[in-house]
PDB file of all heavy atoms in Angstrom:
ATOM      1  N   LYS A   1       0.831  -1.219   0.010  1.00  0.00           N
ATOM      2  CA  LYS A   1      -0.016  -0.002  -0.016  1.00  0.00           C
ATOM      3  C   LYS A   1       0.876   1.273   0.002  1.00  0.00           C
ATOM      4  O   LYS A   1       0.596   2.219  -0.753  1.00  0.00           O
ATOM      5  CB  LYS A   1      -0.895  -0.006   1.250  1.00  0.00           C
ATOM      6  CG  LYS A   1      -1.808   1.212   1.402  1.00  0.00           C
ATOM      7  CD  LYS A   1      -2.922   1.176   0.387  1.00  0.00           C
ATOM      8  CE  LYS A   1      -4.049   2.157   0.698  1.00  0.00           C
ATOM      9  NZ  LYS A   1      -3.618   3.523   0.902  1.00  0.00           N
ATOM     10  N   LYS A   2       1.942   1.258   0.795  1.00  0.00           N
ATOM     11  CA  LYS A   2       2.820   2.434   0.894  1.00  0.00           C
ATOM     12  C   LYS A   2       3.492   2.713  -0.451  1.00  0.00           C
ATOM     13  O   LYS A   2       3.584   3.853  -0.897  1.00  0.00           O
ATOM     14  CB  LYS A   2       3.848   2.262   1.972  1.00  0.00           C
ATOM     15  CG  LYS A   2       3.272   2.338   3.402  1.00  0.00           C
ATOM     16  CD  LYS A   2       4.323   2.123   4.451  1.00  0.00           C
ATOM     17  CE  LYS A   2       3.740   2.162   5.860  1.00  0.00           C
ATOM     18  NZ  LYS A   2       4.795   1.915   6.891  1.00  0.00           N
ATOM     19  N   VAL A   3       4.000   1.642  -1.084  1.00  0.00           N
ATOM     20  CA  VAL A   3       4.704   1.802  -2.354  1.00  0.00           C
ATOM     21  C   VAL A   3       3.723   2.217  -3.449  1.00  0.00           C
ATOM     22  O   VAL A   3       4.007   3.122  -4.264  1.00  0.00           O
ATOM     23  CB  VAL A   3       5.421   0.488  -2.762  1.00  0.00           C
ATOM     24  CG1 VAL A   3       6.042   0.634  -4.135  1.00  0.00           C
ATOM     25  CG2 VAL A   3       6.499   0.147  -1.744  1.00  0.00           C
ATOM     26  N   GLU A   4       2.546   1.594  -3.455  1.00  0.00           N
ATOM     27  CA  GLU A   4       1.526   1.997  -4.449  1.00  0.00           C
ATOM     28  C   GLU A   4       1.146   3.452  -4.278  1.00  0.00           C
ATOM     29  O   GLU A   4       1.014   4.184  -5.276  1.00  0.00           O
ATOM     30  CB  GLU A   4       0.263   1.113  -4.286  1.00  0.00           C
ATOM     31  CG  GLU A   4       0.401  -0.287  -4.830  1.00  0.00           C
ATOM     32  CD  GLU A   4      -0.831  -1.133  -4.575  1.00  0.00           C
ATOM     33  OE1 GLU A   4      -1.655  -0.746  -3.724  1.00  0.00           O
ATOM     34  OE2 GLU A   4      -0.957  -2.186  -5.222  1.00  0.00           O
ATOM     35  N   ASP A   5       0.985   3.897  -3.043  1.00  0.00           N
ATOM     36  CA  ASP A   5       0.611   5.294  -2.778  1.00  0.00           C
ATOM     37  C   ASP A   5       1.684   6.260  -3.213  1.00  0.00           C
ATOM     38  O   ASP A   5       1.411   7.310  -3.793  1.00  0.00           O
ATOM     39  CB  ASP A   5       0.313   5.494  -1.295  1.00  0.00           C
ATOM     40  CG  ASP A   5      -0.983   4.840  -0.851  1.00  0.00           C
ATOM     41  OD1 ASP A   5      -1.775   4.433  -1.739  1.00  0.00           O
ATOM     42  OD2 ASP A   5      -1.204   4.731   0.376  1.00  0.00           O
ATOM     43  N   LEU A   6       2.954   5.863  -2.974  1.00  0.00           N
ATOM     44  CA  LEU A   6       4.054   6.746  -3.355  1.00  0.00           C
ATOM     45  C   LEU A   6       4.153   6.907  -4.867  1.00  0.00           C
ATOM     46  O   LEU A   6       4.288   8.015  -5.369  1.00  0.00           O
ATOM     47  CB  LEU A   6       5.374   6.173  -2.809  1.00  0.00           C
ATOM     48  CG  LEU A   6       6.642   6.994  -3.118  1.00  0.00           C
ATOM     49  CD1 LEU A   6       6.553   8.387  -2.524  1.00  0.00           C
ATOM     50  CD2 LEU A   6       7.890   6.291  -2.606  1.00  0.00           C
ATOM     51  N   ILE A   7       4.056   5.787  -5.572  1.00  0.00           N
ATOM     52  CA  ILE A   7       4.161   5.859  -7.054  1.00  0.00           C
ATOM     53  C   ILE A   7       2.927   6.522  -7.634  1.00  0.00           C
ATOM     54  O   ILE A   7       3.015   7.296  -8.597  1.00  0.00           O
ATOM     55  CB  ILE A   7       4.389   4.460  -7.644  1.00  0.00           C
ATOM     56  CG1 ILE A   7       5.686   3.866  -7.109  1.00  0.00           C
ATOM     57  CG2 ILE A   7       4.417   4.514  -9.157  1.00  0.00           C
ATOM     58  CD1 ILE A   7       5.959   2.461  -7.541  1.00  0.00           C
ATOM     59  N   THR A   8       1.778   6.248  -7.041  1.00  0.00           N
ATOM     60  CA  THR A   8       0.555   6.911  -7.512  1.00  0.00           C
ATOM     61  C   THR A   8       0.657   8.426  -7.341  1.00  0.00           C
ATOM     62  O   THR A   8       0.177   9.195  -8.196  1.00  0.00           O
ATOM     63  CB  THR A   8      -0.689   6.357  -6.767  1.00  0.00           C
ATOM     64  OG1 THR A   8      -0.866   4.978  -7.089  1.00  0.00           O
ATOM     65  CG2 THR A   8      -1.947   7.119  -7.158  1.00  0.00           C
ATOM     66  N   SER A   9       1.271   8.878  -6.257  1.00  0.00           N
ATOM     67  CA  SER A   9       1.462  10.317  -6.048  1.00  0.00           C
ATOM     68  C   SER A   9       2.316  10.908  -7.134  1.00  0.00           C
ATOM     69  O   SER A   9       2.118  12.067  -7.540  1.00  0.00           O
ATOM     70  CB  SER A   9       2.057  10.586  -4.666  1.00  0.00           C
ATOM     71  OG  SER A   9       3.424  10.146  -4.595  1.00  0.00           O
ATOM     72  N   CYS A  10       3.267  10.125  -7.628  1.00  0.00           N
ATOM     73  CA  CYS A  10       4.100  10.606  -8.766  1.00  0.00           C
ATOM     74  C   CYS A  10       3.256  10.759 -10.008  1.00  0.00           C
ATOM     75  O   CYS A  10       3.364  11.756 -10.725  1.00  0.00           O
ATOM     76  CB  CYS A  10       5.212   9.597  -9.017  1.00  0.00           C
ATOM     77  SG  CYS A  10       6.225   9.971 -10.477  1.00  0.00           S
ATOM     78  N   LEU A  11       2.375   9.789 -10.272  1.00  0.00           N
ATOM     79  CA  LEU A  11       1.504   9.861 -11.464  1.00  0.00           C
ATOM     80  C   LEU A  11       0.558  11.047 -11.345  1.00  0.00           C
ATOM     81  O   LEU A  11       0.298  11.713 -12.332  1.00  0.00           O
ATOM     82  CB  LEU A  11       0.735   8.562 -11.605  1.00  0.00           C
ATOM     83  CG  LEU A  11       1.577   7.275 -11.791  1.00  0.00           C
ATOM     84  CD1 LEU A  11       0.685   6.057 -11.999  1.00  0.00           C
ATOM     85  CD2 LEU A  11       2.526   7.433 -12.975  1.00  0.00           C
ATOM     86  N   HIS A  12       0.049  11.300 -10.134  1.00  0.00           N
ATOM     87  CA  HIS A  12      -0.834  12.446  -9.951  1.00  0.00           C
ATOM     88  C   HIS A  12      -0.063  13.748 -10.189  1.00  0.00           C
ATOM     89  O   HIS A  12      -0.616  14.706 -10.758  1.00  0.00           O
ATOM     90  CB  HIS A  12      -1.403  12.461  -8.508  1.00  0.00           C
ATOM     91  CG  HIS A  12      -2.405  11.357  -8.286  1.00  0.00           C
ATOM     92  ND1 HIS A  12      -2.967  11.128  -7.050  1.00  0.00           N
ATOM     93  CD2 HIS A  12      -2.916  10.420  -9.125  1.00  0.00           C
ATOM     94  CE1 HIS A  12      -3.799  10.089  -7.154  1.00  0.00           C
ATOM     95  NE2 HIS A  12      -3.770   9.656  -8.383  1.00  0.00           N
ATOM     96  N   GLU A  13       1.174  13.794  -9.738  1.00  0.00           N
ATOM     97  CA  GLU A  13       1.995  14.990  -9.877  1.00  0.00           C
ATOM     98  C   GLU A  13       2.308  15.269 -11.365  1.00  0.00           C
ATOM     99  O   GLU A  13       2.217  16.393 -11.850  1.00  0.00           O
ATOM    100  CB  GLU A  13       3.306  14.829  -9.118  1.00  0.00           C
ATOM    101  CG  GLU A  13       4.292  15.962  -9.272  1.00  0.00           C
ATOM    102  CD  GLU A  13       4.067  17.084  -8.283  1.00  0.00           C
ATOM    103  OE1 GLU A  13       3.472  16.839  -7.216  1.00  0.00           O
ATOM    104  OE2 GLU A  13       4.449  18.221  -8.602  1.00  0.00           O
ATOM    105  N   VAL A  14       2.665  14.204 -12.086  1.00  0.00           N
ATOM    106  CA  VAL A  14       3.124  14.353 -13.457  1.00  0.00           C
ATOM    107  C   VAL A  14       1.961  14.428 -14.454  1.00  0.00           C
ATOM    108  O   VAL A  14       1.962  15.242 -15.372  1.00  0.00           O
ATOM    109  CB  VAL A  14       4.056  13.194 -13.868  1.00  0.00           C
ATOM    110  CG1 VAL A  14       4.490  13.313 -15.327  1.00  0.00           C
ATOM    111  CG2 VAL A  14       5.266  13.170 -12.944  1.00  0.00           C
ATOM    112  N   PHE A  15       0.940  13.598 -14.232  1.00  0.00           N
ATOM    113  CA  PHE A  15      -0.179  13.546 -15.172  1.00  0.00           C
ATOM    114  C   PHE A  15      -1.431  14.145 -14.512  1.00  0.00           C
ATOM    115  O   PHE A  15      -1.572  15.359 -14.466  1.00  0.00           O
ATOM    116  CB  PHE A  15      -0.393  12.086 -15.623  1.00  0.00           C
ATOM    117  CG  PHE A  15       0.798  11.503 -16.311  1.00  0.00           C
ATOM    118  CD1 PHE A  15       1.632  10.632 -15.641  1.00  0.00           C
ATOM    119  CD2 PHE A  15       1.077  11.822 -17.634  1.00  0.00           C
ATOM    120  CE1 PHE A  15       2.764  10.088 -16.269  1.00  0.00           C
ATOM    121  CE2 PHE A  15       2.189  11.301 -18.270  1.00  0.00           C
ATOM    122  CZ  PHE A  15       3.033  10.429 -17.587  1.00  0.00           C
ATOM    123  N   ASP A  16      -2.308  13.262 -14.018  1.00  0.00           N
ATOM    124  CA  ASP A  16      -3.486  13.783 -13.307  1.00  0.00           C
ATOM    125  C   ASP A  16      -4.002  12.684 -12.362  1.00  0.00           C
ATOM    126  O   ASP A  16      -3.450  11.582 -12.333  1.00  0.00           O
ATOM    127  CB  ASP A  16      -4.586  14.227 -14.293  1.00  0.00           C
ATOM    128  CG  ASP A  16      -4.964  13.123 -15.261  1.00  0.00           C
ATOM    129  OD1 ASP A  16      -5.395  12.069 -14.800  1.00  0.00           O
ATOM    130  OD2 ASP A  16      -4.834  13.335 -16.476  1.00  0.00           O
ATOM    131  N   ASP A  17      -5.093  12.993 -11.660  1.00  0.00           N
ATOM    132  CA  ASP A  17      -5.572  12.070 -10.623  1.00  0.00           C
ATOM    133  C   ASP A  17      -6.245  10.830 -11.188  1.00  0.00           C
ATOM    134  O   ASP A  17      -6.676   9.941 -10.412  1.00  0.00           O
ATOM    135  CB  ASP A  17      -6.570  12.807  -9.703  1.00  0.00           C
ATOM    136  CG  ASP A  17      -5.890  13.861  -8.873  1.00  0.00           C
ATOM    137  OD1 ASP A  17      -4.653  13.905  -8.892  1.00  0.00           O
ATOM    138  OD2 ASP A  17      -6.591  14.665  -8.203  1.00  0.00           O
ATOM    139  N   SER A  18      -6.391  10.720 -12.487  1.00  0.00           N
ATOM    140  CA  SER A  18      -7.022   9.541 -13.054  1.00  0.00           C
ATOM    141  C   SER A  18      -6.081   8.320 -13.105  1.00  0.00           C
ATOM    142  O   SER A  18      -6.511   7.201 -13.344  1.00  0.00           O
ATOM    143  CB  SER A  18      -7.531   9.832 -14.487  1.00  0.00           C
ATOM    144  OG  SER A  18      -6.441  10.096 -15.377  1.00  0.00           O
ATOM    145  N   TYR A  19      -4.775   8.561 -12.872  1.00  0.00           N
ATOM    146  CA  TYR A  19      -3.798   7.519 -12.931  1.00  0.00           C
ATOM    147  C   TYR A  19      -3.477   6.965 -11.558  1.00  0.00           C
ATOM    148  O   TYR A  19      -3.426   7.705 -10.572  1.00  0.00           O
ATOM    149  CB  TYR A  19      -2.498   7.998 -13.570  1.00  0.00           C
ATOM    150  CG  TYR A  19      -2.582   8.257 -15.053  1.00  0.00           C
ATOM    151  CD1 TYR A  19      -2.921   9.501 -15.547  1.00  0.00           C
ATOM    152  CD2 TYR A  19      -2.310   7.266 -15.956  1.00  0.00           C
ATOM    153  CE1 TYR A  19      -3.015   9.788 -16.890  1.00  0.00           C
ATOM    154  CE2 TYR A  19      -2.380   7.521 -17.348  1.00  0.00           C
ATOM    155  CZ  TYR A  19      -2.719   8.762 -17.798  1.00  0.00           C
ATOM    156  OH  TYR A  19      -2.800   9.022 -19.132  1.00  0.00           O
ATOM    157  N   SER A  20      -3.232   5.684 -11.503  1.00  0.00           N
ATOM    158  CA  SER A  20      -2.726   5.042 -10.253  1.00  0.00           C
ATOM    159  C   SER A  20      -1.929   3.809 -10.660  1.00  0.00           C
ATOM    160  O   SER A  20      -1.862   3.440 -11.836  1.00  0.00           O
ATOM    161  CB  SER A  20      -3.902   4.665  -9.347  1.00  0.00           C
ATOM    162  OG  SER A  20      -4.746   3.700  -9.969  1.00  0.00           O
ATOM    163  N   VAL A  21      -1.332   3.169  -9.664  1.00  0.00           N
ATOM    164  CA  VAL A  21      -0.552   1.956  -9.913  1.00  0.00           C
ATOM    165  C   VAL A  21      -0.969   0.876  -8.918  1.00  0.00           C
ATOM    166  O   VAL A  21      -1.357   1.183  -7.798  1.00  0.00           O
ATOM    167  CB  VAL A  21       0.962   2.234  -9.794  1.00  0.00           C
ATOM    168  CG1 VAL A  21       1.341   2.536  -8.368  1.00  0.00           C
ATOM    169  CG2 VAL A  21       1.803   1.065 -10.320  1.00  0.00           C
ATOM    170  N   GLU A  22      -0.953  -0.348  -9.384  1.00  0.00           N
ATOM    171  CA  GLU A  22      -1.334  -1.478  -8.538  1.00  0.00           C
ATOM    172  C   GLU A  22      -0.303  -2.623  -8.681  1.00  0.00           C
ATOM    173  O   GLU A  22       0.205  -2.831  -9.789  1.00  0.00           O
ATOM    174  CB  GLU A  22      -2.725  -2.038  -8.895  1.00  0.00           C
ATOM    175  CG  GLU A  22      -3.849  -1.121  -8.507  1.00  0.00           C
ATOM    176  CD  GLU A  22      -5.222  -1.735  -8.854  1.00  0.00           C
ATOM    177  OE1 GLU A  22      -5.250  -2.916  -9.288  1.00  0.00           O
ATOM    178  OE2 GLU A  22      -6.240  -1.051  -8.701  1.00  0.00           O
ATOM    179  N   PHE A  23      -0.033  -3.283  -7.561  1.00  0.00           N
ATOM    180  CA  PHE A  23       0.821  -4.475  -7.581  1.00  0.00           C
ATOM    181  C   PHE A  23      -0.045  -5.714  -7.372  1.00  0.00           C
ATOM    182  O   PHE A  23      -0.951  -5.661  -6.551  1.00  0.00           O
ATOM    183  CB  PHE A  23       1.887  -4.432  -6.498  1.00  0.00           C
ATOM    184  CG  PHE A  23       2.872  -3.291  -6.636  1.00  0.00           C
ATOM    185  CD1 PHE A  23       3.584  -2.822  -5.547  1.00  0.00           C
ATOM    186  CD2 PHE A  23       3.078  -2.688  -7.851  1.00  0.00           C
ATOM    187  CE1 PHE A  23       4.485  -1.823  -5.667  1.00  0.00           C
ATOM    188  CE2 PHE A  23       3.967  -1.668  -7.992  1.00  0.00           C
ATOM    189  CZ  PHE A  23       4.678  -1.212  -6.914  1.00  0.00           C
ATOM    190  N   GLU A  24       0.247  -6.773  -8.084  1.00  0.00           N
ATOM    191  CA  GLU A  24      -0.442  -8.038  -7.878  1.00  0.00           C
ATOM    192  C   GLU A  24       0.571  -9.127  -7.640  1.00  0.00           C
ATOM    193  O   GLU A  24       1.508  -9.322  -8.432  1.00  0.00           O
ATOM    194  CB  GLU A  24      -1.324  -8.369  -9.091  1.00  0.00           C
ATOM    195  CG  GLU A  24      -2.517  -7.489  -9.251  1.00  0.00           C
ATOM    196  CD  GLU A  24      -3.458  -7.933 -10.359  1.00  0.00           C
ATOM    197  OE1 GLU A  24      -3.180  -9.020 -10.954  1.00  0.00           O
ATOM    198  OE2 GLU A  24      -4.429  -7.229 -10.630  1.00  0.00           O
ATOM    199  N   TYR A  25       0.420  -9.852  -6.498  1.00  0.00           N
ATOM    200  CA  TYR A  25       1.303 -10.916  -6.145  1.00  0.00           C
ATOM    201  C   TYR A  25       0.845 -12.223  -6.771  1.00  0.00           C
ATOM    202  O   TYR A  25      -0.365 -12.465  -6.887  1.00  0.00           O
ATOM    203  CB  TYR A  25       1.407 -11.102  -4.629  1.00  0.00           C
ATOM    204  CG  TYR A  25       2.129  -9.966  -3.928  1.00  0.00           C
ATOM    205  CD1 TYR A  25       1.430  -8.902  -3.336  1.00  0.00           C
ATOM    206  CD2 TYR A  25       3.511  -9.923  -3.873  1.00  0.00           C
ATOM    207  CE1 TYR A  25       2.079  -7.894  -2.705  1.00  0.00           C
ATOM    208  CE2 TYR A  25       4.180  -8.918  -3.229  1.00  0.00           C
ATOM    209  CZ  TYR A  25       3.465  -7.885  -2.643  1.00  0.00           C
ATOM    210  OH  TYR A  25       4.084  -6.854  -2.018  1.00  0.00           O
ATOM    211  N   GLY A  26       1.783 -13.043  -7.181  1.00  0.00           N
ATOM    212  CA  GLY A  26       1.467 -14.353  -7.722  1.00  0.00           C
ATOM    213  C   GLY A  26       2.602 -15.338  -7.497  1.00  0.00           C
ATOM    214  O   GLY A  26       3.602 -14.986  -6.815  1.00  0.00           O
ATOM    215  N   MET A  27       2.510 -16.512  -8.065  1.00  0.00           N
ATOM    216  CA  MET A  27       3.545 -17.517  -7.944  1.00  0.00           C
ATOM    217  C   MET A  27       4.044 -17.898  -9.341  1.00  0.00           C
ATOM    218  O   MET A  27       3.242 -18.193 -10.215  1.00  0.00           O
ATOM    219  CB  MET A  27       3.044 -18.750  -7.214  1.00  0.00           C
ATOM    220  CG  MET A  27       2.659 -18.516  -5.759  1.00  0.00           C
ATOM    221  SD  MET A  27       4.087 -18.107  -4.732  1.00  0.00           S
ATOM    222  CE  MET A  27       4.973 -19.672  -4.728  1.00  0.00           C
ATOM    223  N   LYS A  28       5.364 -17.868  -9.534  1.00  0.00           N
ATOM    224  CA  LYS A  28       5.984 -18.337 -10.762  1.00  0.00           C
ATOM    225  C   LYS A  28       7.177 -19.194 -10.415  1.00  0.00           C
ATOM    226  O   LYS A  28       8.075 -18.764  -9.679  1.00  0.00           O
ATOM    227  CB  LYS A  28       6.450 -17.133 -11.612  1.00  0.00           C
ATOM    228  CG  LYS A  28       5.291 -16.403 -12.294  1.00  0.00           C
ATOM    229  CD  LYS A  28       5.828 -15.346 -13.236  1.00  0.00           C
ATOM    230  CE  LYS A  28       4.700 -14.620 -13.944  1.00  0.00           C
ATOM    231  NZ  LYS A  28       5.179 -13.546 -14.869  1.00  0.00           N
ATOM    232  N   ARG A  29       7.153 -20.446 -10.890  1.00  0.00           N
ATOM    233  CA  ARG A  29       8.212 -21.399 -10.601  1.00  0.00           C
ATOM    234  C   ARG A  29       8.473 -21.510  -9.102  1.00  0.00           C
ATOM    235  O   ARG A  29       9.603 -21.467  -8.622  1.00  0.00           O
ATOM    236  CB  ARG A  29       9.513 -20.976 -11.314  1.00  0.00           C
ATOM    237  CG  ARG A  29       9.385 -20.938 -12.847  1.00  0.00           C
ATOM    238  CD  ARG A  29      10.627 -20.440 -13.482  1.00  0.00           C
ATOM    239  NE  ARG A  29      10.481 -20.349 -14.949  1.00  0.00           N
ATOM    240  CZ  ARG A  29      11.413 -19.876 -15.775  1.00  0.00           C
ATOM    241  NH1 ARG A  29      12.544 -19.410 -15.267  1.00  0.00           N
ATOM    242  NH2 ARG A  29      11.203 -19.832 -17.069  1.00  0.00           N
ATOM    243  N   ALA A  30       7.367 -21.633  -8.359  1.00  0.00           N
ATOM    244  CA  ALA A  30       7.405 -21.843  -6.913  1.00  0.00           C
ATOM    245  C   ALA A  30       7.989 -20.658  -6.154  1.00  0.00           C
ATOM    246  O   ALA A  30       8.394 -20.772  -5.003  1.00  0.00           O
ATOM    247  CB  ALA A  30       8.165 -23.126  -6.554  1.00  0.00           C
ATOM    248  N   LYS A  31       8.027 -19.480  -6.784  1.00  0.00           N
ATOM    249  CA  LYS A  31       8.519 -18.295  -6.131  1.00  0.00           C
ATOM    250  C   LYS A  31       7.504 -17.174  -6.259  1.00  0.00           C
ATOM    251  O   LYS A  31       6.752 -17.099  -7.230  1.00  0.00           O
ATOM    252  CB  LYS A  31       9.858 -17.817  -6.755  1.00  0.00           C
ATOM    253  CG  LYS A  31      11.009 -18.798  -6.494  1.00  0.00           C
ATOM    254  CD  LYS A  31      12.307 -18.206  -7.050  1.00  0.00           C
ATOM    255  CE  LYS A  31      13.488 -19.116  -6.752  1.00  0.00           C
ATOM    256  NZ  LYS A  31      14.771 -18.572  -7.300  1.00  0.00           N
ATOM    257  N   THR A  32       7.487 -16.294  -5.240  1.00  0.00           N
ATOM    258  CA  THR A  32       6.545 -15.170  -5.263  1.00  0.00           C
ATOM    259  C   THR A  32       6.995 -14.175  -6.333  1.00  0.00           C
ATOM    260  O   THR A  32       8.161 -13.824  -6.423  1.00  0.00           O
ATOM    261  CB  THR A  32       6.506 -14.467  -3.889  1.00  0.00           C
ATOM    262  OG1 THR A  32       6.124 -15.415  -2.890  1.00  0.00           O
ATOM    263  CG2 THR A  32       5.522 -13.322  -3.914  1.00  0.00           C
ATOM    264  N   SER A  33       6.053 -13.758  -7.143  1.00  0.00           N
ATOM    265  CA  SER A  33       6.337 -12.755  -8.189  1.00  0.00           C
ATOM    266  C   SER A  33       5.380 -11.577  -8.034  1.00  0.00           C
ATOM    267  O   SER A  33       4.317 -11.699  -7.398  1.00  0.00           O
ATOM    268  CB  SER A  33       6.172 -13.362  -9.578  1.00  0.00           C
ATOM    269  OG  SER A  33       4.842 -13.773  -9.795  1.00  0.00           O
ATOM    270  N   VAL A  34       5.787 -10.440  -8.568  1.00  0.00           N
ATOM    271  CA  VAL A  34       4.980  -9.213  -8.493  1.00  0.00           C
ATOM    272  C   VAL A  34       4.799  -8.643  -9.884  1.00  0.00           C
ATOM    273  O   VAL A  34       5.778  -8.464 -10.625  1.00  0.00           O
ATOM    274  CB  VAL A  34       5.629  -8.155  -7.579  1.00  0.00           C
ATOM    275  CG1 VAL A  34       4.741  -6.927  -7.496  1.00  0.00           C
ATOM    276  CG2 VAL A  34       5.901  -8.720  -6.204  1.00  0.00           C
ATOM    277  N   GLU A  35       3.559  -8.417 -10.257  1.00  0.00           N
ATOM    278  CA  GLU A  35       3.243  -7.752 -11.508  1.00  0.00           C
ATOM    279  C   GLU A  35       2.841  -6.316 -11.239  1.00  0.00           C
ATOM    280  O   GLU A  35       2.104  -6.059 -10.292  1.00  0.00           O
ATOM    281  CB  GLU A  35       2.119  -8.491 -12.256  1.00  0.00           C
ATOM    282  CG  GLU A  35       2.442  -9.906 -12.629  1.00  0.00           C
ATOM    283  CD  GLU A  35       3.456 -10.035 -13.732  1.00  0.00           C
ATOM    284  OE1 GLU A  35       3.696  -9.023 -14.427  1.00  0.00           O
ATOM    285  OE2 GLU A  35       4.032 -11.124 -13.878  1.00  0.00           O
ATOM    286  N   VAL A  36       3.351  -5.374 -12.026  1.00  0.00           N
ATOM    287  CA  VAL A  36       3.053  -3.952 -11.848  1.00  0.00           C
ATOM    288  C   VAL A  36       2.102  -3.526 -12.946  1.00  0.00           C
ATOM    289  O   VAL A  36       2.333  -3.734 -14.133  1.00  0.00           O
ATOM    290  CB  VAL A  36       4.346  -3.109 -11.903  1.00  0.00           C
ATOM    291  CG1 VAL A  36       4.006  -1.636 -11.628  1.00  0.00           C
ATOM    292  CG2 VAL A  36       5.360  -3.623 -10.898  1.00  0.00           C
ATOM    293  N   PHE A  37       1.008  -2.874 -12.518  1.00  0.00           N
ATOM    294  CA  PHE A  37      -0.028  -2.436 -13.467  1.00  0.00           C
ATOM    295  C   PHE A  37      -0.268  -0.944 -13.318  1.00  0.00           C
ATOM    296  O   PHE A  37      -0.269  -0.432 -12.218  1.00  0.00           O
ATOM    297  CB  PHE A  37      -1.353  -3.184 -13.218  1.00  0.00           C
ATOM    298  CG  PHE A  37      -1.308  -4.650 -13.528  1.00  0.00           C
ATOM    299  CD1 PHE A  37      -0.925  -5.559 -12.533  1.00  0.00           C
ATOM    300  CD2 PHE A  37      -1.667  -5.147 -14.768  1.00  0.00           C
ATOM    301  CE1 PHE A  37      -0.894  -6.907 -12.785  1.00  0.00           C
ATOM    302  CE2 PHE A  37      -1.613  -6.490 -15.043  1.00  0.00           C
ATOM    303  CZ  PHE A  37      -1.227  -7.400 -14.044  1.00  0.00           C
TER     304      PHE A  37
END
């Protein structure tokens, strides 16, 4: 949540409030992976 909020604040600063970022956790090859959207 903290990282998403920080990066989203960058998008709000540079572009506008319609942008945000989300992380999704998953498993790949028995290891935790993170996808950035």
